[in-house]
Amino acid sequence: MPKLIRHQLQIKHANSFGKRLKGLLFYKEPITKEGLLIAPCNSVHMFFMRFPIDVVFLDQKNAVVKAIPNLKPWKMVAPVNGAYSALELPLGTIARNDIGEGDTIIL
């Protein structure tokens, strides 16, 4: 079943080298009403981050390839096979929306 994320959160797009590099790095407080779609992207790191987030890796049709809840600062995710983009979301979004592999995210 498709999961509607747009209605719940404002999704920003990081589609340039600079925006992908910066990501959520300089946020001082945890995100609560927004997410960040990084494309192209098949791996993320949490170096220098100040708070945990949920991360959903999507293919080119926005189907979930991998969902990682509660990714903590200073952790890293190895490249995810089949992932085209990474959707960084507020902590708890994956559980609240019951997001799992094979779901389609509507942005």
N, C-alpha and C. Protein backbone atom coordinates (compact mmCIF):
# COMPACT_ATOMS: atom_id res chain seq x y z
N MET A 1 0.84 -1.19 0.00
CA MET A 1 0.00 0.00 0.00
C MET A 1 0.88 1.25 0.00
N PRO A 2 0.57 2.24 -0.81
CA PRO A 2 1.38 3.46 -0.84
C PRO A 2 1.32 4.21 0.48
N LYS A 3 2.44 4.79 0.87
CA LYS A 3 2.53 5.58 2.10
C LYS A 3 2.65 7.05 1.70
N LEU A 4 1.75 7.87 2.20
CA LEU A 4 1.75 9.30 1.88
C LEU A 4 2.58 10.06 2.90
N ILE A 5 3.76 10.48 2.50
CA ILE A 5 4.63 11.21 3.40
C ILE A 5 4.45 12.72 3.24
N ARG A 6 4.18 13.18 2.05
CA ARG A 6 4.07 14.61 1.76
C ARG A 6 3.04 15.31 2.65
N HIS A 7 1.94 14.65 2.93
CA HIS A 7 0.89 15.28 3.72
C HIS A 7 1.29 15.48 5.17
N GLN A 8 2.25 14.71 5.61
CA GLN A 8 2.68 14.79 7.01
C GLN A 8 3.88 15.70 7.21
N LEU A 9 4.76 15.75 6.21
CA LEU A 9 6.03 16.45 6.34
C LEU A 9 6.32 17.29 5.10
N GLN A 10 7.07 18.35 5.30
CA GLN A 10 7.59 19.11 4.16
C GLN A 10 8.88 18.42 3.75
N ILE A 11 8.95 17.95 2.51
CA ILE A 11 10.13 17.25 2.03
C ILE A 11 10.99 18.21 1.20
N LYS A 12 12.20 18.42 1.66
CA LYS A 12 13.17 19.23 0.92
C LYS A 12 13.98 18.29 0.04
N HIS A 13 14.49 18.81 -1.06
CA HIS A 13 15.27 18.00 -2.00
C HIS A 13 16.74 18.43 -1.98
N ALA A 14 17.61 17.46 -1.81
CA ALA A 14 19.05 17.69 -1.90
C ALA A 14 19.52 17.00 -3.16
N ASN A 15 19.56 17.76 -4.26
CA ASN A 15 19.86 17.15 -5.55
C ASN A 15 21.08 17.77 -6.23
N SER A 16 21.88 18.48 -5.46
CA SER A 16 23.15 18.99 -5.97
C SER A 16 24.25 18.49 -5.04
N PHE A 17 25.48 18.53 -5.50
CA PHE A 17 26.58 18.04 -4.68
C PHE A 17 26.62 18.75 -3.32
N GLY A 18 26.53 20.07 -3.34
CA GLY A 18 26.59 20.84 -2.10
C GLY A 18 25.46 20.50 -1.13
N LYS A 19 24.25 20.40 -1.65
CA LYS A 19 23.10 20.08 -0.80
C LYS A 19 23.19 18.66 -0.25
N ARG A 20 23.66 17.72 -1.08
CA ARG A 20 23.83 16.34 -0.61
C ARG A 20 24.91 16.26 0.46
N LEU A 21 25.98 17.01 0.26
CA LEU A 21 27.08 17.01 1.22
C LEU A 21 26.65 17.59 2.57
N LYS A 22 25.90 18.67 2.53
CA LYS A 22 25.44 19.34 3.76
C LYS A 22 24.36 18.54 4.47
N GLY A 23 23.38 18.05 3.73
CA GLY A 23 22.30 17.27 4.33
C GLY A 23 21.68 17.96 5.52
N LEU A 24 21.60 17.25 6.62
CA LEU A 24 21.05 17.79 7.87
C LEU A 24 22.16 18.15 8.86
N LEU A 25 23.38 18.21 8.37
CA LEU A 25 24.56 18.34 9.22
C LEU A 25 24.51 19.51 10.18
N PHE A 26 24.06 20.66 9.76
CA PHE A 26 24.15 21.85 10.62
C PHE A 26 22.87 22.13 11.41
N TYR A 27 21.94 21.19 11.41
CA TYR A 27 20.74 21.35 12.22
C TYR A 27 21.12 21.14 13.68
N LYS A 28 20.67 22.05 14.54
CA LYS A 28 20.99 21.93 15.97
C LYS A 28 19.95 21.13 16.73
N GLU A 29 18.72 21.16 16.25
CA GLU A 29 17.61 20.46 16.90
C GLU A 29 17.12 19.34 15.99
N PRO A 30 16.55 18.28 16.56
CA PRO A 30 15.99 17.20 15.73
C PRO A 30 14.90 17.72 14.80
N ILE A 31 14.85 17.16 13.60
CA ILE A 31 13.78 17.53 12.68
C ILE A 31 12.47 16.91 13.17
N THR A 32 11.38 17.65 12.99
CA THR A 32 10.08 17.13 13.44
C THR A 32 9.00 17.25 12.37
N LYS A 33 9.09 18.26 11.51
CA LYS A 33 8.03 18.49 10.52
C LYS A 33 8.57 18.51 9.10
N GLU A 34 9.77 18.02 8.91
CA GLU A 34 10.36 18.02 7.59
C GLU A 34 11.20 16.77 7.37
N GLY A 35 11.48 16.52 6.12
CA GLY A 35 12.36 15.44 5.73
C GLY A 35 13.27 15.94 4.62
N LEU A 36 14.27 15.13 4.29
CA LEU A 36 15.21 15.51 3.25
C LEU A 36 15.38 14.33 2.31
N LEU A 37 15.09 14.56 1.04
CA LEU A 37 15.27 13.55 0.01
C LEU A 37 16.60 13.83 -0.69
N ILE A 38 17.53 12.89 -0.56
CA ILE A 38 18.87 13.03 -1.15
C ILE A 38 18.95 12.13 -2.37
N ALA A 39 19.20 12.73 -3.52
CA ALA A 39 19.26 11.94 -4.76
C ALA A 39 20.31 12.53 -5.69
N PRO A 40 21.08 11.70 -6.33
CA PRO A 40 21.19 10.26 -6.10
C PRO A 40 21.94 9.98 -4.80
N CYS A 41 21.61 8.87 -4.17
CA CYS A 41 22.22 8.51 -2.89
C CYS A 41 21.88 7.07 -2.55
N ASN A 42 22.89 6.27 -2.23
CA ASN A 42 22.61 4.89 -1.80
C ASN A 42 23.29 4.56 -0.48
N SER A 43 23.82 5.59 0.20
CA SER A 43 24.50 5.40 1.48
C SER A 43 24.46 6.73 2.24
N VAL A 44 24.43 6.65 3.56
CA VAL A 44 24.48 7.88 4.36
C VAL A 44 25.43 7.67 5.54
N HIS A 45 25.90 8.78 6.07
CA HIS A 45 26.68 8.74 7.30
C HIS A 45 26.09 9.75 8.27
N MET A 46 26.35 9.53 9.54
CA MET A 46 25.82 10.41 10.57
C MET A 46 26.94 11.12 11.33
N PHE A 47 28.10 11.26 10.69
CA PHE A 47 29.22 11.94 11.32
C PHE A 47 28.84 13.39 11.62
N PHE A 48 29.12 13.83 12.83
CA PHE A 48 28.88 15.19 13.31
C PHE A 48 27.40 15.53 13.48
N MET A 49 26.51 14.56 13.29
CA MET A 49 25.08 14.82 13.53
C MET A 49 24.83 14.90 15.04
N ARG A 50 23.78 15.61 15.42
CA ARG A 50 23.48 15.84 16.83
C ARG A 50 22.29 15.04 17.33
N PHE A 51 21.60 14.34 16.43
CA PHE A 51 20.38 13.62 16.82
C PHE A 51 20.16 12.44 15.87
N PRO A 52 19.44 11.42 16.32
CA PRO A 52 19.13 10.28 15.44
C PRO A 52 17.98 10.63 14.49
N ILE A 53 17.92 9.89 13.39
CA ILE A 53 16.86 10.06 12.39
C ILE A 53 16.45 8.69 11.88
N ASP A 54 15.35 8.63 11.17
CA ASP A 54 14.96 7.46 10.40
C ASP A 54 15.40 7.70 8.96
N VAL A 55 15.85 6.64 8.29
CA VAL A 55 16.27 6.77 6.89
C VAL A 55 15.59 5.68 6.07
N VAL A 56 15.01 6.08 4.95
CA VAL A 56 14.37 5.14 4.03
C VAL A 56 15.09 5.25 2.69
N PHE A 57 15.62 4.14 2.21
CA PHE A 57 16.26 4.11 0.91
C PHE A 57 15.23 3.68 -0.13
N LEU A 58 15.18 4.44 -1.23
CA LEU A 58 14.17 4.23 -2.27
C LEU A 58 14.83 3.91 -3.61
N ASP A 59 14.11 3.15 -4.44
CA ASP A 59 14.58 2.95 -5.81
C ASP A 59 14.06 4.10 -6.67
N GLN A 60 14.24 4.04 -7.97
CA GLN A 60 13.84 5.16 -8.83
C GLN A 60 12.33 5.33 -8.95
N LYS A 61 11.56 4.34 -8.51
CA LYS A 61 10.10 4.45 -8.53
C LYS A 61 9.54 4.73 -7.13
N ASN A 62 10.42 5.12 -6.21
CA ASN A 62 10.07 5.42 -4.82
C ASN A 62 9.56 4.22 -4.04
N ALA A 63 9.98 3.02 -4.45
CA ALA A 63 9.69 1.82 -3.66
C ALA A 63 10.79 1.68 -2.61
N VAL A 64 10.39 1.30 -1.41
CA VAL A 64 11.34 1.16 -0.31
C VAL A 64 12.23 -0.06 -0.54
N VAL A 65 13.53 0.20 -0.56
CA VAL A 65 14.53 -0.87 -0.69
C VAL A 65 14.99 -1.29 0.70
N LYS A 66 15.13 -0.30 1.59
CA LYS A 66 15.57 -0.58 2.97
C LYS A 66 15.09 0.55 3.86
N ALA A 67 14.62 0.21 5.05
CA ALA A 67 14.18 1.21 6.04
C ALA A 67 15.03 1.03 7.29
N ILE A 68 15.61 2.12 7.76
CA ILE A 68 16.48 2.07 8.93
C ILE A 68 15.94 3.04 9.98
N PRO A 69 15.27 2.52 11.00
CA PRO A 69 14.80 3.40 12.07
C PRO A 69 15.92 3.73 13.05
N ASN A 70 15.85 4.88 13.66
CA ASN A 70 16.73 5.26 14.76
C ASN A 70 18.22 5.14 14.41
N LEU A 71 18.61 5.75 13.30
CA LEU A 71 20.02 5.79 12.94
C LEU A 71 20.68 6.86 13.79
N LYS A 72 21.62 6.45 14.60
CA LYS A 72 22.22 7.33 15.60
C LYS A 72 23.43 8.09 15.04
N PRO A 73 23.74 9.23 15.70
CA PRO A 73 24.94 9.98 15.31
C PRO A 73 26.18 9.09 15.33
N TRP A 74 27.10 9.39 14.43
CA TRP A 74 28.40 8.72 14.27
C TRP A 74 28.29 7.32 13.68
N LYS A 75 27.12 6.94 13.19
CA LYS A 75 26.96 5.66 12.50
C LYS A 75 27.00 5.90 11.00
N MET A 76 27.13 4.81 10.25
CA MET A 76 27.16 4.92 8.80
C MET A 76 26.45 3.72 8.21
N VAL A 77 25.84 3.92 7.06
CA VAL A 77 25.14 2.86 6.36
C VAL A 77 25.92 2.56 5.08
N ALA A 78 26.30 1.32 4.92
CA ALA A 78 27.01 0.90 3.70
C ALA A 78 26.09 1.08 2.50
N PRO A 79 26.64 1.15 1.30
CA PRO A 79 25.79 1.30 0.11
C PRO A 79 24.69 0.24 0.06
N VAL A 80 23.48 0.70 -0.23
CA VAL A 80 22.30 -0.17 -0.27
C VAL A 80 22.04 -0.55 -1.73
N ASN A 81 22.09 -1.83 -2.00
CA ASN A 81 21.88 -2.33 -3.35
C ASN A 81 20.49 -1.96 -3.85
N GLY A 82 20.41 -1.36 -5.03
CA GLY A 82 19.13 -0.99 -5.62
C GLY A 82 18.60 0.36 -5.21
N ALA A 83 19.29 1.04 -4.29
CA ALA A 83 18.81 2.35 -3.83
C ALA A 83 19.23 3.45 -4.79
N TYR A 84 18.29 4.34 -5.08
CA TYR A 84 18.57 5.52 -5.89
C TYR A 84 18.61 6.78 -5.03
N SER A 85 17.82 6.80 -3.95
CA SER A 85 17.76 7.98 -3.09
C SER A 85 17.59 7.56 -1.64
N ALA A 86 17.89 8.52 -0.77
CA ALA A 86 17.72 8.32 0.67
C ALA A 86 16.78 9.40 1.17
N LEU A 87 15.78 8.99 1.92
CA LEU A 87 14.81 9.92 2.51
C LEU A 87 15.08 9.97 4.01
N GLU A 88 15.61 11.10 4.47
CA GLU A 88 15.92 11.27 5.89
C GLU A 88 14.69 11.87 6.56
N LEU A 89 14.24 11.22 7.62
CA LEU A 89 12.96 11.55 8.25
C LEU A 89 13.10 11.72 9.75
N PRO A 90 12.15 12.41 10.38
CA PRO A 90 12.18 12.52 11.83
C PRO A 90 12.12 11.15 12.50
N LEU A 91 12.77 11.06 13.62
CA LEU A 91 12.78 9.83 14.40
C LEU A 91 11.34 9.36 14.68
N GLY A 92 11.07 8.11 14.43
CA GLY A 92 9.75 7.54 14.69
C GLY A 92 8.83 7.49 13.48
N THR A 93 9.23 8.13 12.37
CA THR A 93 8.38 8.17 11.17
C THR A 93 8.16 6.78 10.59
N ILE A 94 9.20 5.97 10.56
CA ILE A 94 9.08 4.62 10.00
C ILE A 94 8.06 3.81 10.79
N ALA A 95 8.15 3.83 12.11
CA ALA A 95 7.22 3.06 12.94
C ALA A 95 5.80 3.61 12.85
N ARG A 96 5.66 4.94 12.92
CA ARG A 96 4.32 5.56 12.88
C ARG A 96 3.59 5.24 11.59
N ASN A 97 4.32 5.15 10.48
CA ASN A 97 3.71 4.91 9.18
C ASN A 97 3.84 3.46 8.72
N ASP A 98 4.39 2.62 9.57
CA ASP A 98 4.56 1.21 9.26
C ASP A 98 5.24 1.03 7.89
N ILE A 99 6.36 1.72 7.70
CA ILE A 99 7.09 1.69 6.44
C ILE A 99 8.01 0.48 6.40
N GLY A 100 7.95 -0.27 5.32
CA GLY A 100 8.81 -1.45 5.17
C GLY A 100 9.17 -1.68 3.72
N GLU A 101 10.07 -2.63 3.51
CA GLU A 101 10.51 -2.96 2.15
C GLU A 101 9.33 -3.26 1.26
N GLY A 102 9.36 -2.72 0.03
CA GLY A 102 8.31 -2.95 -0.93
C GLY A 102 7.23 -1.89 -0.92
N ASP A 103 7.10 -1.13 0.17
CA ASP A 103 6.13 -0.04 0.20
C ASP A 103 6.53 1.03 -0.82
N THR A 104 5.56 1.77 -1.31
CA THR A 104 5.84 2.89 -2.20
C THR A 104 5.58 4.17 -1.44
N ILE A 105 6.57 5.07 -1.48
CA ILE A 105 6.43 6.37 -0.81
C ILE A 105 5.97 7.39 -1.82
N ILE A 106 4.87 8.07 -1.52
CA ILE A 106 4.35 9.13 -2.37
C ILE A 106 4.80 10.46 -1.78
N LEU A 107 5.60 11.17 -2.55
CA LEU A 107 6.16 12.44 -2.05
C LEU A 107 5.37 13.60 -2.55
